[in-house]
Amino acid sequence: MSQFIRIDKDSNPKKAVLLNLDLVASVELSPQSDLLSSADEKRVYLSCLAHDKTVIATVHFDSVEDAHAWIQNHLGVQV
């Protein structure tokens, strides 16, 4: 059976999406400042990529510590 994780958009469970982890080939963590519209340099984002490097999900965090905790909790990897 496929493994899914739930991602609440805008911290609102009514806007939740499911990410199928079987489709994820790699995960990249980057500073939010890499985005053109970013004003907050403490924020980071996590991109889940398919085997062909297509981004299938992006999750934004207020701090790198929050991102590391999410990765530990949902992917079982300590960064």
C-alpha atoms as a PDB file:
ATOM      1  CA  MET A   1       0.000   0.000   0.000  1.00  0.00           C
ATOM      2  CA  SER A   2       1.198   3.513  -0.762  1.00  0.00           C
ATOM      3  CA  GLN A   3       2.317   5.798   2.033  1.00  0.00           C
ATOM      4  CA  PHE A   4       0.644   9.201   2.215  1.00  0.00           C
ATOM      5  CA  ILE A   5       1.204  12.214   4.439  1.00  0.00           C
ATOM      6  CA  ARG A   6      -1.254  15.023   4.968  1.00  0.00           C
ATOM      7  CA  ILE A   7      -0.222  18.635   4.450  1.00  0.00           C
ATOM      8  CA  ASP A   8      -2.512  21.334   5.833  1.00  0.00           C
ATOM      9  CA  LYS A   9      -2.396  24.386   3.592  1.00  0.00           C
ATOM     10  CA  ASP A  10      -2.316  27.703   5.484  1.00  0.00           C
ATOM     11  CA  SER A  11      -2.549  25.697   8.755  1.00  0.00           C
ATOM     12  CA  ASN A  12      -6.161  24.979   7.854  1.00  0.00           C
ATOM     13  CA  PRO A  13      -7.243  21.312   7.951  1.00  0.00           C
ATOM     14  CA  LYS A  14     -10.079  22.121   5.539  1.00  0.00           C
ATOM     15  CA  LYS A  15      -7.439  22.889   2.904  1.00  0.00           C
ATOM     16  CA  ALA A  16      -5.470  19.660   3.413  1.00  0.00           C
ATOM     17  CA  VAL A  17      -3.767  17.803   0.578  1.00  0.00           C
ATOM     18  CA  LEU A  18      -2.278  14.316   0.554  1.00  0.00           C
ATOM     19  CA  LEU A  19       1.246  13.679  -0.693  1.00  0.00           C
ATOM     20  CA  ASN A  20       2.027  10.180  -1.938  1.00  0.00           C
ATOM     21  CA  LEU A  21       5.552   9.471  -0.663  1.00  0.00           C
ATOM     22  CA  ASP A  22       5.999   6.714  -3.251  1.00  0.00           C
ATOM     23  CA  LEU A  23       6.246   9.458  -5.891  1.00  0.00           C
ATOM     24  CA  VAL A  24       8.975  11.372  -4.035  1.00  0.00           C
ATOM     25  CA  ALA A  25      12.496  10.667  -5.256  1.00  0.00           C
ATOM     26  CA  SER A  26      14.260  13.522  -3.461  1.00  0.00           C
ATOM     27  CA  VAL A  27      13.623  16.337  -1.002  1.00  0.00           C
ATOM     28  CA  GLU A  28      15.344  19.722  -1.105  1.00  0.00           C
ATOM     29  CA  LEU A  29      15.397  22.264   1.730  1.00  0.00           C
ATOM     30  CA  SER A  30      16.120  25.865   0.710  1.00  0.00           C
ATOM     31  CA  PRO A  31      16.003  29.353   2.227  1.00  0.00           C
ATOM     32  CA  GLN A  32      12.840  31.275   1.463  1.00  0.00           C
ATOM     33  CA  SER A  33      15.043  34.122   0.228  1.00  0.00           C
ATOM     34  CA  ASP A  34      15.570  32.055  -2.935  1.00  0.00           C
ATOM     35  CA  LEU A  35      12.010  32.978  -3.887  1.00  0.00           C
ATOM     36  CA  LEU A  36      11.565  36.338  -5.556  1.00  0.00           C
ATOM     37  CA  SER A  37       8.630  37.438  -3.382  1.00  0.00           C
ATOM     38  CA  SER A  38      10.212  36.611  -0.043  1.00  0.00           C
ATOM     39  CA  ALA A  39      10.705  39.274   2.593  1.00  0.00           C
ATOM     40  CA  ASP A  40      11.388  37.006   5.592  1.00  0.00           C
ATOM     41  CA  GLU A  41      14.882  35.498   5.520  1.00  0.00           C
ATOM     42  CA  LYS A  42      14.206  33.083   8.427  1.00  0.00           C
ATOM     43  CA  ARG A  43      11.594  31.133   6.474  1.00  0.00           C
ATOM     44  CA  VAL A  44      12.523  28.035   4.505  1.00  0.00           C
ATOM     45  CA  TYR A  45      10.754  25.789   2.072  1.00  0.00           C
ATOM     46  CA  LEU A  46      10.936  22.082   1.380  1.00  0.00           C
ATOM     47  CA  SER A  47      10.417  20.789  -2.164  1.00  0.00           C
ATOM     48  CA  CYS A  48       9.493  17.170  -2.842  1.00  0.00           C
ATOM     49  CA  LEU A  49      10.669  16.140  -6.301  1.00  0.00           C
ATOM     50  CA  ALA A  50       9.804  13.211  -8.535  1.00  0.00           C
ATOM     51  CA  HIS A  51      12.509  11.122 -10.213  1.00  0.00           C
ATOM     52  CA  ASP A  52      12.524  13.530 -13.207  1.00  0.00           C
ATOM     53  CA  LYS A  53      13.028  16.533 -10.847  1.00  0.00           C
ATOM     54  CA  THR A  54       9.423  17.724 -11.252  1.00  0.00           C
ATOM     55  CA  VAL A  55       8.308  19.430  -8.032  1.00  0.00           C
ATOM     56  CA  ILE A  56       5.243  17.606  -6.751  1.00  0.00           C
ATOM     57  CA  ALA A  57       4.869  19.460  -3.435  1.00  0.00           C
ATOM     58  CA  THR A  58       6.322  22.470  -1.662  1.00  0.00           C
ATOM     59  CA  VAL A  59       5.886  23.083   2.058  1.00  0.00           C
ATOM     60  CA  HIS A  60       6.843  26.404   3.681  1.00  0.00           C
ATOM     61  CA  PHE A  61       8.127  26.747   7.258  1.00  0.00           C
ATOM     62  CA  ASP A  62       8.734  29.704   9.567  1.00  0.00           C
ATOM     63  CA  SER A  63      12.176  28.418  10.575  1.00  0.00           C
ATOM     64  CA  VAL A  64      14.700  25.773   9.641  1.00  0.00           C
ATOM     65  CA  GLU A  65      14.063  24.088  12.994  1.00  0.00           C
ATOM     66  CA  ASP A  66      10.367  23.665  12.089  1.00  0.00           C
ATOM     67  CA  ALA A  67      11.395  22.165   8.748  1.00  0.00           C
ATOM     68  CA  HIS A  68      13.798  19.729  10.409  1.00  0.00           C
ATOM     69  CA  ALA A  69      11.099  18.671  12.883  1.00  0.00           C
ATOM     70  CA  TRP A  70       8.614  18.089  10.035  1.00  0.00           C
ATOM     71  CA  ILE A  71      11.154  15.994   8.124  1.00  0.00           C
ATOM     72  CA  GLN A  72      11.907  13.941  11.255  1.00  0.00           C
ATOM     73  CA  ASN A  73       8.208  13.430  12.000  1.00  0.00           C
ATOM     74  CA  HIS A  74       6.965  12.652   8.502  1.00  0.00           C
ATOM     75  CA  LEU A  75       9.946  11.188   6.682  1.00  0.00           C
ATOM     76  CA  GLY A  76      11.770   9.600   9.610  1.00  0.00           C
ATOM     77  CA  VAL A  77      15.063  11.299   8.791  1.00  0.00           C
ATOM     78  CA  GLN A  78      17.045  13.538  11.114  1.00  0.00           C
ATOM     79  CA  VAL A  79      18.640  16.443   9.266  1.00  0.00           C
END
